[in-house]
């Protein structure tokens, strides 16, 4: 099963660490990296214009310059309403109980993980993805 991951994070060190974790765990995957929510939306629109699917899994930072993670999620839900949306996992450097509560209440958010992404958490994500693809 070849998965496409998308990382949207304005912190280049975190972006690198997330990419590295994915590459070490899921070697046959495609990874799209974006440094802002605006860039992420632009790439998603480009994928649709080229008749390609949106990524399977999205690791999203919440605190970014310009468009924050919550605004990105809202735009993604509105712009791509008719498409299969990626599973969204919030990547955060801050423990914010309010953000965790918002994430739990949002049906599009599949999980919330502290930075850096761990191999254990990614293994859980991949197992869940494999289980859903066989049903």
N, C-alpha and C. Protein backbone atom coordinates (compact mmCIF):
# COMPACT_ATOMS: atom_id res chain seq x y z
N UNK A 1 0.85 -1.18 0.00
CA UNK A 1 0.00 0.00 0.00
C UNK A 1 0.89 1.23 0.00
N UNK A 2 0.85 1.98 -1.05
CA UNK A 2 1.66 3.19 -1.16
C UNK A 2 0.84 4.37 -0.67
N UNK A 3 1.36 5.03 0.36
CA UNK A 3 0.66 6.17 0.95
C UNK A 3 1.33 7.47 0.55
N UNK A 4 0.52 8.52 0.50
CA UNK A 4 1.06 9.86 0.31
C UNK A 4 0.83 10.63 1.60
N UNK A 5 1.92 11.17 2.13
CA UNK A 5 1.88 11.98 3.34
C UNK A 5 2.07 13.43 2.95
N UNK A 6 1.50 14.31 3.73
CA UNK A 6 1.75 15.74 3.58
C UNK A 6 2.11 16.28 4.96
N UNK A 7 3.17 17.07 4.98
CA UNK A 7 3.60 17.73 6.22
C UNK A 7 3.45 19.23 5.99
N UNK A 8 2.67 19.88 6.82
CA UNK A 8 2.55 21.34 6.75
C UNK A 8 3.05 21.89 8.08
N UNK A 9 4.23 22.49 8.02
CA UNK A 9 4.89 22.98 9.23
C UNK A 9 5.89 24.05 8.84
N UNK A 10 5.84 25.19 9.50
CA UNK A 10 6.76 26.28 9.16
C UNK A 10 8.12 26.15 9.85
N UNK A 11 8.27 25.17 10.74
CA UNK A 11 9.53 24.92 11.42
C UNK A 11 10.31 23.87 10.61
N UNK A 12 11.39 24.30 9.96
CA UNK A 12 12.13 23.40 9.07
C UNK A 12 12.74 22.21 9.80
N UNK A 13 13.16 22.40 11.05
CA UNK A 13 13.72 21.29 11.82
C UNK A 13 12.64 20.24 12.09
N UNK A 14 11.47 20.69 12.49
CA UNK A 14 10.35 19.79 12.73
C UNK A 14 9.93 19.09 11.43
N UNK A 15 9.90 19.87 10.35
CA UNK A 15 9.54 19.32 9.04
C UNK A 15 10.51 18.18 8.67
N UNK A 16 11.82 18.44 8.87
CA UNK A 16 12.84 17.43 8.57
C UNK A 16 12.66 16.19 9.45
N UNK A 17 12.44 16.40 10.75
CA UNK A 17 12.28 15.28 11.68
C UNK A 17 11.06 14.43 11.33
N UNK A 18 9.97 15.08 10.96
CA UNK A 18 8.75 14.35 10.58
C UNK A 18 8.99 13.55 9.30
N UNK A 19 9.61 14.19 8.32
CA UNK A 19 9.92 13.53 7.05
C UNK A 19 10.82 12.32 7.29
N UNK A 20 11.85 12.51 8.11
CA UNK A 20 12.80 11.45 8.40
C UNK A 20 12.10 10.26 9.06
N UNK A 21 11.23 10.53 10.03
CA UNK A 21 10.49 9.47 10.72
C UNK A 21 9.64 8.68 9.71
N UNK A 22 8.97 9.38 8.83
CA UNK A 22 8.14 8.71 7.81
C UNK A 22 9.01 7.87 6.89
N UNK A 23 10.12 8.44 6.42
CA UNK A 23 11.00 7.73 5.49
C UNK A 23 11.59 6.46 6.12
N UNK A 24 11.89 6.53 7.42
CA UNK A 24 12.46 5.37 8.10
C UNK A 24 11.42 4.28 8.36
N UNK A 25 10.17 4.68 8.49
CA UNK A 25 9.11 3.74 8.84
C UNK A 25 8.37 3.20 7.62
N UNK A 26 8.07 4.07 6.70
CA UNK A 26 7.25 3.73 5.52
C UNK A 26 8.05 4.09 4.27
N UNK A 27 8.98 3.19 3.91
CA UNK A 27 9.94 3.50 2.85
C UNK A 27 9.32 3.75 1.48
N UNK A 28 8.21 3.09 1.19
CA UNK A 28 7.60 3.25 -0.15
C UNK A 28 6.44 4.24 -0.09
N UNK A 29 6.73 5.43 0.38
CA UNK A 29 5.67 6.43 0.45
C UNK A 29 6.11 7.70 -0.27
N UNK A 30 5.14 8.52 -0.60
CA UNK A 30 5.42 9.84 -1.17
C UNK A 30 5.20 10.86 -0.06
N UNK A 31 6.06 11.87 -0.02
CA UNK A 31 5.96 12.89 1.03
C UNK A 31 5.97 14.26 0.39
N UNK A 32 4.94 15.04 0.69
CA UNK A 32 4.85 16.43 0.25
C UNK A 32 5.10 17.29 1.48
N UNK A 33 6.01 18.27 1.37
CA UNK A 33 6.22 19.16 2.51
C UNK A 33 5.88 20.59 2.11
N UNK A 34 5.25 21.28 3.03
CA UNK A 34 4.84 22.67 2.83
C UNK A 34 5.24 23.47 4.06
N UNK A 35 5.65 24.71 3.83
CA UNK A 35 6.09 25.56 4.94
C UNK A 35 5.01 26.49 5.46
N UNK A 36 3.80 26.40 4.87
CA UNK A 36 2.70 27.26 5.32
C UNK A 36 1.36 26.64 4.92
N UNK A 37 0.31 27.11 5.59
CA UNK A 37 -1.04 26.67 5.22
C UNK A 37 -1.39 27.11 3.81
N UNK A 38 -0.96 28.30 3.44
CA UNK A 38 -1.24 28.81 2.09
C UNK A 38 -0.60 27.91 1.03
N UNK A 39 0.65 27.50 1.28
CA UNK A 39 1.34 26.61 0.34
C UNK A 39 0.63 25.26 0.26
N UNK A 40 0.17 24.77 1.41
CA UNK A 40 -0.56 23.51 1.44
C UNK A 40 -1.83 23.56 0.61
N UNK A 41 -2.62 24.62 0.76
CA UNK A 41 -3.84 24.76 -0.04
C UNK A 41 -3.53 24.85 -1.52
N UNK A 42 -2.47 25.59 -1.85
CA UNK A 42 -2.06 25.74 -3.24
C UNK A 42 -1.70 24.38 -3.85
N UNK A 43 -0.96 23.58 -3.11
CA UNK A 43 -0.57 22.25 -3.61
C UNK A 43 -1.79 21.34 -3.73
N UNK A 44 -2.71 21.40 -2.76
CA UNK A 44 -3.93 20.59 -2.83
C UNK A 44 -4.75 20.97 -4.07
N UNK A 45 -4.87 22.27 -4.34
CA UNK A 45 -5.60 22.72 -5.53
C UNK A 45 -4.92 22.23 -6.81
N UNK A 46 -3.60 22.27 -6.82
CA UNK A 46 -2.83 21.81 -7.98
C UNK A 46 -3.04 20.30 -8.20
N UNK A 47 -3.07 19.54 -7.13
CA UNK A 47 -3.32 18.10 -7.25
C UNK A 47 -4.67 17.84 -7.90
N UNK A 48 -5.70 18.56 -7.45
CA UNK A 48 -7.04 18.37 -8.01
C UNK A 48 -7.10 18.80 -9.47
N UNK A 49 -6.44 19.92 -9.81
CA UNK A 49 -6.42 20.38 -11.20
C UNK A 49 -5.77 19.35 -12.11
N UNK A 50 -4.81 18.60 -11.58
CA UNK A 50 -4.14 17.55 -12.35
C UNK A 50 -4.80 16.19 -12.16
N UNK A 51 -6.03 16.21 -11.63
CA UNK A 51 -6.84 15.00 -11.44
C UNK A 51 -6.15 13.95 -10.58
N UNK A 52 -5.45 14.42 -9.54
CA UNK A 52 -4.79 13.52 -8.61
C UNK A 52 -5.49 13.59 -7.26
N UNK A 53 -5.31 12.52 -6.49
CA UNK A 53 -5.93 12.44 -5.16
C UNK A 53 -5.18 13.33 -4.17
N UNK A 54 -5.90 13.77 -3.15
CA UNK A 54 -5.26 14.47 -2.04
C UNK A 54 -4.44 13.45 -1.24
N UNK A 55 -3.49 13.90 -0.45
CA UNK A 55 -2.69 12.95 0.35
C UNK A 55 -3.57 12.10 1.26
N UNK A 56 -3.03 10.96 1.65
CA UNK A 56 -3.75 10.05 2.55
C UNK A 56 -3.71 10.55 3.99
N UNK A 57 -2.53 11.03 4.39
CA UNK A 57 -2.31 11.43 5.77
C UNK A 57 -1.63 12.80 5.80
N UNK A 58 -2.13 13.66 6.68
CA UNK A 58 -1.59 15.02 6.80
C UNK A 58 -1.12 15.24 8.24
N UNK A 59 0.13 15.64 8.39
CA UNK A 59 0.66 16.07 9.67
C UNK A 59 0.70 17.59 9.64
N UNK A 60 -0.07 18.21 10.52
CA UNK A 60 -0.31 19.65 10.45
C UNK A 60 0.10 20.37 11.73
N UNK A 61 0.94 21.38 11.57
CA UNK A 61 1.29 22.26 12.67
C UNK A 61 0.15 23.26 12.84
N UNK A 62 -0.12 23.65 14.07
CA UNK A 62 -1.19 24.63 14.30
C UNK A 62 -0.69 26.06 14.29
N UNK A 63 0.49 26.30 14.88
CA UNK A 63 0.99 27.65 15.06
C UNK A 63 1.96 27.99 13.92
N UNK A 64 1.45 28.74 12.94
CA UNK A 64 2.27 29.14 11.80
C UNK A 64 1.96 30.60 11.47
N UNK A 65 2.93 31.26 10.86
CA UNK A 65 2.72 32.62 10.38
C UNK A 65 1.64 32.59 9.30
N UNK A 66 0.90 33.67 9.15
CA UNK A 66 -0.15 33.70 8.12
C UNK A 66 -1.29 32.79 8.52
N UNK A 67 -1.58 31.84 7.68
CA UNK A 67 -2.69 30.90 7.93
C UNK A 67 -2.28 29.86 8.96
N UNK A 68 -2.99 29.81 10.08
CA UNK A 68 -2.67 28.79 11.09
C UNK A 68 -3.33 27.46 10.71
N UNK A 69 -3.02 26.44 11.50
CA UNK A 69 -3.52 25.10 11.19
C UNK A 69 -5.03 24.98 11.19
N UNK A 70 -5.69 25.64 12.14
CA UNK A 70 -7.16 25.56 12.19
C UNK A 70 -7.79 26.20 10.96
N UNK A 71 -7.22 27.32 10.51
CA UNK A 71 -7.75 27.98 9.31
C UNK A 71 -7.52 27.09 8.09
N UNK A 72 -6.38 26.40 8.05
CA UNK A 72 -6.12 25.48 6.95
C UNK A 72 -7.18 24.38 6.92
N UNK A 73 -7.48 23.79 8.08
CA UNK A 73 -8.49 22.72 8.16
C UNK A 73 -9.85 23.22 7.66
N UNK A 74 -10.22 24.40 8.12
CA UNK A 74 -11.50 24.99 7.70
C UNK A 74 -11.54 25.20 6.18
N UNK A 75 -10.47 25.75 5.62
CA UNK A 75 -10.41 25.95 4.17
C UNK A 75 -10.43 24.62 3.42
N UNK A 76 -9.71 23.64 3.93
CA UNK A 76 -9.67 22.33 3.27
C UNK A 76 -11.07 21.72 3.25
N UNK A 77 -11.79 21.81 4.37
CA UNK A 77 -13.14 21.25 4.43
C UNK A 77 -14.06 21.95 3.43
N UNK A 78 -13.93 23.26 3.30
CA UNK A 78 -14.81 24.02 2.39
C UNK A 78 -14.43 23.83 0.93
N UNK A 79 -13.14 23.86 0.62
CA UNK A 79 -12.70 23.80 -0.78
C UNK A 79 -12.79 22.40 -1.38
N UNK A 80 -12.62 21.39 -0.56
CA UNK A 80 -12.54 20.03 -1.09
C UNK A 80 -13.66 19.15 -0.56
N UNK A 81 -14.80 19.76 -0.39
CA UNK A 81 -15.97 19.10 0.19
C UNK A 81 -16.34 17.79 -0.52
N UNK A 82 -16.16 17.77 -1.82
CA UNK A 82 -16.58 16.60 -2.61
C UNK A 82 -15.50 15.53 -2.73
N UNK A 83 -14.36 15.75 -2.13
CA UNK A 83 -13.22 14.83 -2.27
C UNK A 83 -12.99 14.03 -0.99
N UNK A 84 -12.22 12.96 -1.16
CA UNK A 84 -11.78 12.19 0.01
C UNK A 84 -10.66 13.01 0.67
N UNK A 85 -10.91 13.43 1.89
CA UNK A 85 -9.95 14.28 2.60
C UNK A 85 -8.92 13.41 3.32
N UNK A 86 -7.72 13.96 3.51
CA UNK A 86 -6.71 13.20 4.26
C UNK A 86 -7.08 13.05 5.73
N UNK A 87 -6.52 12.02 6.36
CA UNK A 87 -6.60 11.91 7.81
C UNK A 87 -5.65 12.98 8.35
N UNK A 88 -6.12 13.80 9.25
CA UNK A 88 -5.32 14.91 9.76
C UNK A 88 -4.85 14.60 11.18
N UNK A 89 -3.55 14.72 11.37
CA UNK A 89 -2.94 14.58 12.69
C UNK A 89 -2.27 15.90 13.03
N UNK A 90 -2.68 16.47 14.14
CA UNK A 90 -2.11 17.74 14.60
C UNK A 90 -0.75 17.46 15.22
N UNK A 91 0.27 18.16 14.74
CA UNK A 91 1.62 18.09 15.31
C UNK A 91 1.84 19.36 16.11
N UNK A 92 2.11 19.25 17.37
CA UNK A 92 2.25 20.47 18.15
C UNK A 92 3.46 20.44 19.07
N UNK A 93 4.11 21.58 19.19
CA UNK A 93 5.23 21.72 20.12
C UNK A 93 4.73 22.18 21.48
N UNK A 94 3.47 22.58 21.55
CA UNK A 94 2.91 23.12 22.79
C UNK A 94 1.79 22.23 23.29
N UNK A 95 1.75 22.02 24.57
CA UNK A 95 0.65 21.28 25.16
C UNK A 95 -0.45 22.30 25.48
N UNK A 96 -1.44 22.33 24.63
CA UNK A 96 -2.53 23.29 24.81
C UNK A 96 -3.82 22.49 24.92
N UNK A 97 -4.38 22.44 26.12
CA UNK A 97 -5.58 21.61 26.33
C UNK A 97 -6.76 22.10 25.49
N UNK A 98 -6.83 23.41 25.24
CA UNK A 98 -7.93 23.93 24.41
C UNK A 98 -7.82 23.37 22.98
N UNK A 99 -6.61 23.39 22.41
CA UNK A 99 -6.41 22.84 21.07
C UNK A 99 -6.72 21.35 21.03
N UNK A 100 -6.32 20.63 22.08
CA UNK A 100 -6.62 19.19 22.13
C UNK A 100 -8.13 18.94 22.16
N UNK A 101 -8.87 19.76 22.90
CA UNK A 101 -10.33 19.63 22.95
C UNK A 101 -10.96 19.93 21.60
N UNK A 102 -10.49 20.99 20.95
CA UNK A 102 -11.00 21.33 19.61
C UNK A 102 -10.71 20.19 18.65
N UNK A 103 -9.51 19.63 18.73
CA UNK A 103 -9.13 18.51 17.84
C UNK A 103 -10.03 17.30 18.07
N UNK A 104 -10.30 16.98 19.33
CA UNK A 104 -11.18 15.83 19.63
C UNK A 104 -12.59 16.04 19.10
N UNK A 105 -13.05 17.29 19.12
CA UNK A 105 -14.41 17.59 18.69
C UNK A 105 -14.55 17.64 17.17
N UNK A 106 -13.44 17.82 16.47
CA UNK A 106 -13.47 17.94 15.01
C UNK A 106 -13.36 16.56 14.37
N UNK A 107 -14.38 16.16 13.62
CA UNK A 107 -14.41 14.82 13.01
C UNK A 107 -13.27 14.59 12.03
N UNK A 108 -12.74 15.65 11.45
CA UNK A 108 -11.67 15.51 10.46
C UNK A 108 -10.32 15.22 11.12
N UNK A 109 -10.17 15.56 12.38
CA UNK A 109 -8.90 15.37 13.08
C UNK A 109 -8.83 13.95 13.64
N UNK A 110 -7.84 13.20 13.18
CA UNK A 110 -7.70 11.81 13.61
C UNK A 110 -6.84 11.65 14.86
N UNK A 111 -6.05 12.66 15.17
CA UNK A 111 -5.20 12.55 16.35
C UNK A 111 -4.40 13.82 16.59
N UNK A 112 -3.77 13.85 17.76
CA UNK A 112 -3.00 15.01 18.20
C UNK A 112 -1.72 14.46 18.79
N UNK A 113 -0.58 14.90 18.27
CA UNK A 113 0.69 14.35 18.74
C UNK A 113 1.68 15.48 19.01
N UNK A 114 2.47 15.30 20.07
CA UNK A 114 3.50 16.27 20.39
C UNK A 114 4.69 16.08 19.46
N UNK A 115 5.33 17.20 19.11
CA UNK A 115 6.55 17.13 18.30
C UNK A 115 7.69 16.63 19.17
N UNK A 116 8.63 15.92 18.65
CA UNK A 116 8.69 15.43 17.27
C UNK A 116 7.85 14.16 17.11
N UNK A 117 7.45 13.89 15.88
CA UNK A 117 6.70 12.67 15.57
C UNK A 117 7.54 11.46 15.96
N UNK A 118 6.93 10.55 16.72
CA UNK A 118 7.67 9.34 17.13
C UNK A 118 7.32 8.18 16.21
N UNK A 119 8.23 7.25 16.16
CA UNK A 119 8.01 6.06 15.35
C UNK A 119 6.82 5.25 15.90
N UNK A 120 6.67 5.21 17.24
CA UNK A 120 5.55 4.48 17.84
C UNK A 120 4.22 5.06 17.40
N UNK A 121 4.11 6.41 17.42
CA UNK A 121 2.86 7.04 17.01
C UNK A 121 2.61 6.78 15.52
N UNK A 122 3.64 6.90 14.71
CA UNK A 122 3.48 6.65 13.27
C UNK A 122 3.06 5.21 13.01
N UNK A 123 3.62 4.26 13.76
CA UNK A 123 3.22 2.86 13.61
C UNK A 123 1.72 2.69 13.87
N UNK A 124 1.21 3.36 14.91
CA UNK A 124 -0.23 3.31 15.22
C UNK A 124 -1.05 3.87 14.05
N UNK A 125 -0.60 5.00 13.51
CA UNK A 125 -1.28 5.63 12.38
C UNK A 125 -1.33 4.67 11.19
N UNK A 126 -0.20 4.03 10.90
CA UNK A 126 -0.12 3.13 9.75
C UNK A 126 -0.98 1.88 9.96
N UNK A 127 -1.01 1.36 11.18
CA UNK A 127 -1.86 0.19 11.47
C UNK A 127 -3.33 0.54 11.28
N UNK A 128 -3.73 1.71 11.76
CA UNK A 128 -5.11 2.16 11.61
C UNK A 128 -5.46 2.34 10.13
N UNK A 129 -4.54 2.92 9.38
CA UNK A 129 -4.75 3.12 7.93
C UNK A 129 -4.89 1.79 7.21
N UNK A 130 -4.03 0.83 7.53
CA UNK A 130 -4.10 -0.49 6.90
C UNK A 130 -5.41 -1.19 7.25
N UNK A 131 -5.85 -1.07 8.49
CA UNK A 131 -7.10 -1.69 8.93
C UNK A 131 -8.29 -1.11 8.15
N UNK A 132 -8.30 0.21 7.98
CA UNK A 132 -9.41 0.85 7.28
C UNK A 132 -9.41 0.52 5.79
N UNK A 133 -8.25 0.33 5.22
CA UNK A 133 -8.16 0.01 3.79
C UNK A 133 -8.58 -1.42 3.48
N UNK A 134 -8.55 -2.31 4.49
CA UNK A 134 -8.97 -3.69 4.24
C UNK A 134 -10.46 -3.87 4.48
N UNK A 135 -11.12 -2.87 5.05
CA UNK A 135 -12.57 -2.97 5.29
C UNK A 135 -13.35 -2.29 4.21
